[in-house]
N, C-alpha and C. Protein backbone atom coordinates (compact mmCIF):
# COMPACT_ATOMS: atom_id res chain seq x y z
N UNK A 1 14.48 27.67 -3.34
CA UNK A 1 13.69 28.85 -3.62
C UNK A 1 12.43 28.44 -4.38
N UNK A 2 11.32 28.91 -3.94
CA UNK A 2 10.04 28.57 -4.55
C UNK A 2 9.90 29.21 -5.92
N UNK A 3 9.17 28.53 -6.76
CA UNK A 3 8.89 29.03 -8.11
C UNK A 3 7.66 29.93 -8.12
N UNK A 4 7.04 30.11 -6.98
CA UNK A 4 5.82 30.90 -6.89
C UNK A 4 5.98 31.99 -5.84
N UNK A 5 5.13 32.99 -5.93
CA UNK A 5 5.15 34.09 -4.98
C UNK A 5 4.56 33.63 -3.66
N UNK A 6 5.21 34.06 -2.54
CA UNK A 6 4.73 33.71 -1.21
C UNK A 6 4.44 35.00 -0.45
N UNK A 7 3.20 35.13 0.03
CA UNK A 7 2.80 36.26 0.86
C UNK A 7 2.52 35.71 2.26
N UNK A 8 3.17 36.32 3.26
CA UNK A 8 2.99 35.85 4.63
C UNK A 8 2.99 37.06 5.55
N UNK A 9 2.25 36.95 6.65
CA UNK A 9 2.15 38.06 7.60
C UNK A 9 3.53 38.45 8.13
N UNK A 10 3.72 39.71 8.41
CA UNK A 10 5.01 40.25 8.80
C UNK A 10 5.52 39.70 10.12
N UNK A 11 4.66 39.33 11.06
CA UNK A 11 5.13 38.89 12.37
C UNK A 11 5.45 37.40 12.43
N UNK A 12 5.53 36.75 11.29
CA UNK A 12 5.77 35.30 11.27
C UNK A 12 7.10 34.93 11.91
N UNK A 13 8.07 35.83 11.92
CA UNK A 13 9.39 35.48 12.41
C UNK A 13 9.56 35.51 13.92
N UNK A 14 8.53 35.84 14.67
CA UNK A 14 8.73 36.00 16.11
C UNK A 14 8.57 34.72 16.91
N UNK A 15 8.28 33.61 16.29
CA UNK A 15 8.12 32.35 17.00
C UNK A 15 8.58 31.19 16.12
N UNK A 16 9.46 30.34 16.63
CA UNK A 16 9.95 29.21 15.83
C UNK A 16 8.84 28.31 15.30
N UNK A 17 7.78 28.09 16.09
CA UNK A 17 6.70 27.22 15.63
C UNK A 17 5.97 27.85 14.45
N UNK A 18 5.81 29.18 14.44
CA UNK A 18 5.19 29.85 13.31
C UNK A 18 6.02 29.67 12.04
N UNK A 19 7.33 29.77 12.18
CA UNK A 19 8.21 29.57 11.03
C UNK A 19 8.09 28.14 10.51
N UNK A 20 8.01 27.18 11.42
CA UNK A 20 7.86 25.79 11.02
C UNK A 20 6.55 25.59 10.27
N UNK A 21 5.45 26.14 10.78
CA UNK A 21 4.16 26.00 10.11
C UNK A 21 4.17 26.67 8.75
N UNK A 22 4.83 27.81 8.65
CA UNK A 22 4.99 28.47 7.35
C UNK A 22 5.70 27.53 6.38
N UNK A 23 6.81 26.96 6.82
CA UNK A 23 7.60 26.08 5.96
C UNK A 23 6.84 24.81 5.57
N UNK A 24 6.06 24.27 6.50
CA UNK A 24 5.25 23.09 6.19
C UNK A 24 4.19 23.44 5.15
N UNK A 25 3.57 24.60 5.28
CA UNK A 25 2.56 25.03 4.30
C UNK A 25 3.18 25.17 2.92
N UNK A 26 4.36 25.74 2.86
CA UNK A 26 5.07 25.88 1.58
C UNK A 26 5.40 24.50 1.02
N UNK A 27 5.82 23.58 1.88
CA UNK A 27 6.16 22.22 1.44
C UNK A 27 4.96 21.52 0.81
N UNK A 28 3.76 21.72 1.38
CA UNK A 28 2.56 21.13 0.77
C UNK A 28 2.36 21.64 -0.65
N UNK A 29 2.51 22.95 -0.85
CA UNK A 29 2.28 23.54 -2.17
C UNK A 29 3.37 23.12 -3.15
N UNK A 30 4.59 22.92 -2.65
CA UNK A 30 5.71 22.51 -3.50
C UNK A 30 5.75 20.99 -3.72
N UNK A 31 4.81 20.25 -3.12
CA UNK A 31 4.81 18.79 -3.18
C UNK A 31 6.12 18.22 -2.64
N UNK A 32 6.65 18.80 -1.56
CA UNK A 32 7.90 18.39 -0.95
C UNK A 32 7.62 17.30 0.08
N UNK A 33 7.42 16.09 -0.41
CA UNK A 33 7.06 14.96 0.44
C UNK A 33 8.14 14.68 1.47
N UNK A 34 9.40 14.78 1.09
CA UNK A 34 10.51 14.51 2.01
C UNK A 34 10.45 15.42 3.24
N UNK A 35 10.23 16.71 3.03
CA UNK A 35 10.16 17.65 4.16
C UNK A 35 8.97 17.35 5.05
N UNK A 36 7.84 17.03 4.44
CA UNK A 36 6.64 16.74 5.23
C UNK A 36 6.81 15.46 6.05
N UNK A 37 7.45 14.46 5.48
CA UNK A 37 7.70 13.22 6.22
C UNK A 37 8.68 13.44 7.37
N UNK A 38 9.63 14.35 7.18
CA UNK A 38 10.59 14.68 8.23
C UNK A 38 9.90 15.20 9.49
N UNK A 39 8.74 15.83 9.31
CA UNK A 39 8.01 16.41 10.43
C UNK A 39 6.76 15.61 10.82
N UNK A 40 6.66 14.39 10.32
CA UNK A 40 5.51 13.54 10.64
C UNK A 40 5.87 12.55 11.74
N UNK A 41 5.04 12.53 12.78
CA UNK A 41 5.18 11.53 13.85
C UNK A 41 4.88 10.16 13.27
N UNK A 42 5.48 9.12 13.81
CA UNK A 42 5.24 7.76 13.27
C UNK A 42 3.76 7.37 13.33
N UNK A 43 3.01 7.94 14.28
CA UNK A 43 1.59 7.63 14.43
C UNK A 43 0.70 8.78 13.95
N UNK A 44 1.15 9.54 12.98
CA UNK A 44 0.39 10.69 12.49
C UNK A 44 -0.99 10.27 12.00
N UNK A 45 -1.96 11.14 12.26
CA UNK A 45 -3.30 11.01 11.68
C UNK A 45 -3.55 12.27 10.87
N UNK A 46 -3.93 12.08 9.60
CA UNK A 46 -4.25 13.21 8.72
C UNK A 46 -5.71 13.07 8.32
N UNK A 47 -6.52 13.98 8.84
CA UNK A 47 -7.95 14.01 8.52
C UNK A 47 -8.18 15.09 7.48
N UNK A 48 -8.35 14.69 6.24
CA UNK A 48 -8.73 15.61 5.17
C UNK A 48 -10.26 15.63 5.22
N UNK A 49 -10.78 16.59 5.95
CA UNK A 49 -12.18 16.64 6.32
C UNK A 49 -13.07 16.50 5.08
N UNK A 50 -13.96 15.52 5.16
CA UNK A 50 -14.87 15.26 4.05
C UNK A 50 -14.26 14.46 2.92
N UNK A 51 -12.98 14.11 3.04
CA UNK A 51 -12.29 13.39 1.96
C UNK A 51 -11.77 12.04 2.44
N UNK A 52 -10.89 12.06 3.46
CA UNK A 52 -10.29 10.81 3.93
C UNK A 52 -9.61 11.02 5.28
N UNK A 53 -9.36 9.91 5.96
CA UNK A 53 -8.56 9.90 7.18
C UNK A 53 -7.43 8.91 6.96
N UNK A 54 -6.21 9.38 7.15
CA UNK A 54 -5.01 8.58 6.95
C UNK A 54 -4.32 8.41 8.29
N UNK A 55 -3.93 7.18 8.62
CA UNK A 55 -3.28 6.92 9.90
C UNK A 55 -1.95 6.23 9.70
N UNK A 56 -0.91 6.74 10.35
CA UNK A 56 0.42 6.17 10.27
C UNK A 56 1.27 6.87 9.22
N UNK A 57 2.57 6.85 9.46
CA UNK A 57 3.51 7.58 8.60
C UNK A 57 3.57 7.00 7.18
N UNK A 58 3.51 5.69 7.04
CA UNK A 58 3.56 5.07 5.71
C UNK A 58 2.33 5.46 4.88
N UNK A 59 1.17 5.44 5.53
CA UNK A 59 -0.07 5.83 4.83
C UNK A 59 -0.06 7.33 4.51
N UNK A 60 0.53 8.13 5.41
CA UNK A 60 0.66 9.57 5.17
C UNK A 60 1.52 9.81 3.92
N UNK A 61 2.62 9.07 3.81
CA UNK A 61 3.48 9.20 2.63
C UNK A 61 2.72 8.84 1.35
N UNK A 62 1.98 7.75 1.38
CA UNK A 62 1.21 7.34 0.21
C UNK A 62 0.19 8.41 -0.16
N UNK A 63 -0.50 8.97 0.84
CA UNK A 63 -1.49 10.01 0.58
C UNK A 63 -0.83 11.26 -0.02
N UNK A 64 0.34 11.62 0.47
CA UNK A 64 1.05 12.78 -0.07
C UNK A 64 1.46 12.54 -1.52
N UNK A 65 1.93 11.35 -1.82
CA UNK A 65 2.34 11.03 -3.19
C UNK A 65 1.14 11.02 -4.15
N UNK A 66 -0.03 10.68 -3.63
CA UNK A 66 -1.25 10.68 -4.44
C UNK A 66 -1.83 12.08 -4.60
N UNK A 67 -1.39 13.03 -3.77
CA UNK A 67 -1.96 14.38 -3.74
C UNK A 67 -1.02 15.37 -4.41
N UNK A 68 -0.70 15.15 -5.65
CA UNK A 68 0.18 16.07 -6.36
C UNK A 68 -0.68 17.23 -6.85
N UNK A 69 -0.37 18.42 -6.29
CA UNK A 69 -1.11 19.63 -6.66
C UNK A 69 -0.57 20.20 -7.96
N UNK A 70 -1.41 20.94 -8.70
CA UNK A 70 -0.91 21.62 -9.90
C UNK A 70 0.12 22.68 -9.51
N UNK A 71 0.85 23.16 -10.47
CA UNK A 71 1.87 24.17 -10.20
C UNK A 71 1.23 25.46 -9.70
N UNK A 72 1.75 25.95 -8.60
CA UNK A 72 1.19 27.15 -7.97
C UNK A 72 1.81 28.41 -8.56
N UNK A 73 1.02 29.47 -8.55
CA UNK A 73 1.47 30.80 -8.96
C UNK A 73 1.72 31.66 -7.73
N UNK A 74 0.87 31.47 -6.68
CA UNK A 74 0.98 32.31 -5.50
C UNK A 74 0.38 31.60 -4.29
N UNK A 75 1.06 31.74 -3.15
CA UNK A 75 0.58 31.23 -1.88
C UNK A 75 0.48 32.39 -0.92
N UNK A 76 -0.70 32.59 -0.35
CA UNK A 76 -0.90 33.62 0.66
C UNK A 76 -1.28 32.94 1.96
N UNK A 77 -0.48 33.18 3.00
CA UNK A 77 -0.79 32.66 4.33
C UNK A 77 -1.41 33.80 5.12
N UNK A 78 -2.71 33.70 5.35
CA UNK A 78 -3.45 34.77 6.03
C UNK A 78 -3.18 34.79 7.53
N UNK A 79 -3.16 33.61 8.14
CA UNK A 79 -2.97 33.52 9.59
C UNK A 79 -2.10 32.31 9.91
N UNK A 80 -1.20 32.50 10.85
CA UNK A 80 -0.43 31.41 11.43
C UNK A 80 -0.54 31.59 12.94
N UNK A 81 -1.22 30.65 13.59
CA UNK A 81 -1.47 30.74 15.02
C UNK A 81 -0.83 29.56 15.72
N UNK A 82 -0.27 29.80 16.91
CA UNK A 82 0.29 28.72 17.70
C UNK A 82 -0.05 28.92 19.17
N UNK A 83 -0.18 27.81 19.86
CA UNK A 83 -0.37 27.85 21.31
C UNK A 83 -0.05 26.45 21.84
N UNK A 84 0.94 26.37 22.71
CA UNK A 84 1.30 25.07 23.27
C UNK A 84 1.74 24.13 22.17
N UNK A 85 1.13 22.96 22.13
CA UNK A 85 1.50 21.99 21.10
C UNK A 85 0.58 22.04 19.88
N UNK A 86 -0.24 23.09 19.79
CA UNK A 86 -1.18 23.22 18.68
C UNK A 86 -0.86 24.42 17.82
N UNK A 87 -1.30 24.36 16.58
CA UNK A 87 -1.13 25.47 15.66
C UNK A 87 -2.12 25.36 14.52
N UNK A 88 -2.27 26.47 13.79
CA UNK A 88 -3.19 26.48 12.65
C UNK A 88 -2.67 27.47 11.61
N UNK A 89 -2.94 27.16 10.36
CA UNK A 89 -2.57 28.02 9.24
C UNK A 89 -3.78 28.12 8.33
N UNK A 90 -4.12 29.36 7.94
CA UNK A 90 -5.15 29.54 6.92
C UNK A 90 -4.52 30.29 5.76
N UNK A 91 -4.99 29.96 4.57
CA UNK A 91 -4.39 30.61 3.41
C UNK A 91 -5.14 30.33 2.13
N UNK A 92 -4.54 30.84 1.06
CA UNK A 92 -5.08 30.70 -0.29
C UNK A 92 -3.94 30.33 -1.23
N UNK A 93 -4.20 29.37 -2.10
CA UNK A 93 -3.25 29.01 -3.15
C UNK A 93 -3.89 29.33 -4.49
N UNK A 94 -3.17 30.11 -5.29
CA UNK A 94 -3.59 30.38 -6.67
C UNK A 94 -2.70 29.52 -7.58
N UNK A 95 -3.33 28.76 -8.46
CA UNK A 95 -2.58 27.88 -9.35
C UNK A 95 -2.43 28.53 -10.72
N UNK A 96 -1.44 28.07 -11.46
CA UNK A 96 -1.18 28.63 -12.79
C UNK A 96 -2.35 28.45 -13.74
N UNK A 97 -3.18 27.44 -13.49
CA UNK A 97 -4.33 27.21 -14.37
C UNK A 97 -5.51 28.12 -14.04
N UNK A 98 -5.33 29.03 -13.04
CA UNK A 98 -6.38 29.98 -12.69
C UNK A 98 -7.27 29.53 -11.55
N UNK A 99 -7.14 28.29 -11.10
CA UNK A 99 -7.95 27.83 -9.98
C UNK A 99 -7.37 28.32 -8.66
N UNK A 100 -8.24 28.40 -7.67
CA UNK A 100 -7.85 28.86 -6.34
C UNK A 100 -8.37 27.87 -5.31
N UNK A 101 -7.54 27.54 -4.31
CA UNK A 101 -7.97 26.74 -3.17
C UNK A 101 -7.76 27.57 -1.91
N UNK A 102 -8.78 27.62 -1.06
CA UNK A 102 -8.65 28.22 0.26
C UNK A 102 -8.55 27.07 1.25
N UNK A 103 -7.71 27.23 2.28
CA UNK A 103 -7.49 26.12 3.20
C UNK A 103 -7.28 26.60 4.63
N UNK A 104 -7.50 25.68 5.54
CA UNK A 104 -7.13 25.85 6.94
C UNK A 104 -6.62 24.50 7.42
N UNK A 105 -5.40 24.48 7.91
CA UNK A 105 -4.80 23.27 8.47
C UNK A 105 -4.61 23.48 9.96
N UNK A 106 -5.11 22.53 10.75
CA UNK A 106 -4.98 22.58 12.20
C UNK A 106 -4.03 21.45 12.60
N UNK A 107 -2.98 21.81 13.33
CA UNK A 107 -1.91 20.88 13.70
C UNK A 107 -1.89 20.63 15.20
N UNK A 108 -1.59 19.38 15.57
CA UNK A 108 -1.26 19.04 16.95
C UNK A 108 0.08 18.32 16.87
N UNK A 109 1.07 18.88 17.57
CA UNK A 109 2.39 18.28 17.62
C UNK A 109 2.45 17.29 18.77
N UNK A 110 3.44 16.42 18.77
CA UNK A 110 3.51 15.38 19.80
C UNK A 110 3.83 15.92 21.19
N UNK A 111 4.40 17.13 21.26
CA UNK A 111 4.62 17.81 22.55
C UNK A 111 4.80 19.29 22.27
N UNK A 112 4.91 20.08 23.33
CA UNK A 112 5.05 21.53 23.14
C UNK A 112 6.38 21.91 22.50
N UNK A 113 7.38 21.06 22.59
CA UNK A 113 8.68 21.38 22.00
C UNK A 113 8.98 20.57 20.74
N UNK A 114 8.12 19.64 20.40
CA UNK A 114 8.37 18.75 19.27
C UNK A 114 8.09 19.43 17.93
N UNK A 115 8.81 18.97 16.91
CA UNK A 115 8.56 19.39 15.52
C UNK A 115 7.84 18.29 14.75
N UNK A 116 7.34 17.28 15.46
CA UNK A 116 6.65 16.16 14.82
C UNK A 116 5.14 16.33 14.93
N UNK A 117 4.48 16.27 13.79
CA UNK A 117 3.02 16.42 13.71
C UNK A 117 2.36 15.09 14.07
N UNK A 118 1.50 15.12 15.08
CA UNK A 118 0.78 13.91 15.48
C UNK A 118 -0.61 13.87 14.85
N UNK A 119 -1.23 15.04 14.72
CA UNK A 119 -2.57 15.12 14.14
C UNK A 119 -2.64 16.34 13.23
N UNK A 120 -3.20 16.15 12.05
CA UNK A 120 -3.41 17.23 11.09
C UNK A 120 -4.83 17.13 10.57
N UNK A 121 -5.59 18.23 10.72
CA UNK A 121 -6.95 18.32 10.16
C UNK A 121 -6.90 19.37 9.07
N UNK A 122 -7.19 18.98 7.84
CA UNK A 122 -7.13 19.89 6.69
C UNK A 122 -8.53 20.14 6.14
N UNK A 123 -8.85 21.42 6.05
CA UNK A 123 -10.11 21.86 5.45
C UNK A 123 -9.75 22.60 4.17
N UNK A 124 -10.29 22.16 3.04
CA UNK A 124 -9.96 22.78 1.76
C UNK A 124 -11.24 23.09 1.01
N UNK A 125 -11.30 24.31 0.50
CA UNK A 125 -12.41 24.71 -0.38
C UNK A 125 -11.81 24.94 -1.74
N UNK A 126 -12.17 24.09 -2.68
CA UNK A 126 -11.67 24.23 -4.04
C UNK A 126 -12.51 25.26 -4.74
N UNK A 127 -11.84 26.29 -5.23
CA UNK A 127 -12.54 27.41 -5.84
C UNK A 127 -12.67 27.29 -7.34
N UNK A 128 -13.14 28.35 -7.89
CA UNK A 128 -13.36 28.44 -9.32
C UNK A 128 -12.27 29.35 -9.92
N UNK A 129 -12.16 29.35 -11.21
CA UNK A 129 -11.16 30.24 -11.84
C UNK A 129 -11.42 31.71 -11.46
N UNK A 130 -10.33 32.42 -11.21
CA UNK A 130 -10.41 33.85 -10.88
C UNK A 130 -10.10 34.65 -12.13
N UNK A 131 -10.77 35.76 -12.29
CA UNK A 131 -10.56 36.60 -13.48
C UNK A 131 -9.64 37.73 -13.16
C-alpha cells in the first residue's frame, strides 16, 4: 500500500496494459527498483530526454538506484494510453517538500503481449513549490 495519495482516471481498469502502466508509474514514485527491473527487457533503452540515455538492464538498474526521488505526497495520473505494443502515461507528482514534477513516459514493449519494456522515453518538468 502506497504511503501517498494516488489519483487515476476511472477507466484504467478496462485494459491489462493500462493497469501495468499504472503500476509501473507508481513503482517509479515509490522507488520500487525490483518491480521496475521485473518489467525491463534485457536490452532496455531509457532515454531521459535532455538528461541521459541508458542502455541495457544493468545500466537501467544503476540509473534507477541513482534516481531516488523524495517522498511523495500525491501522484495524479492524467492519461494512460495504449495501442499495440506502445503506451504512454502523463501525470503529476507532488512531493512532501512542496515541489511538483510533471511527466510523460512513453513506453514500447518488446511485443504486443509482452510485459517487458524495450524502450522508455521520459519527459520531466521539475516544478516549483506550490502554495
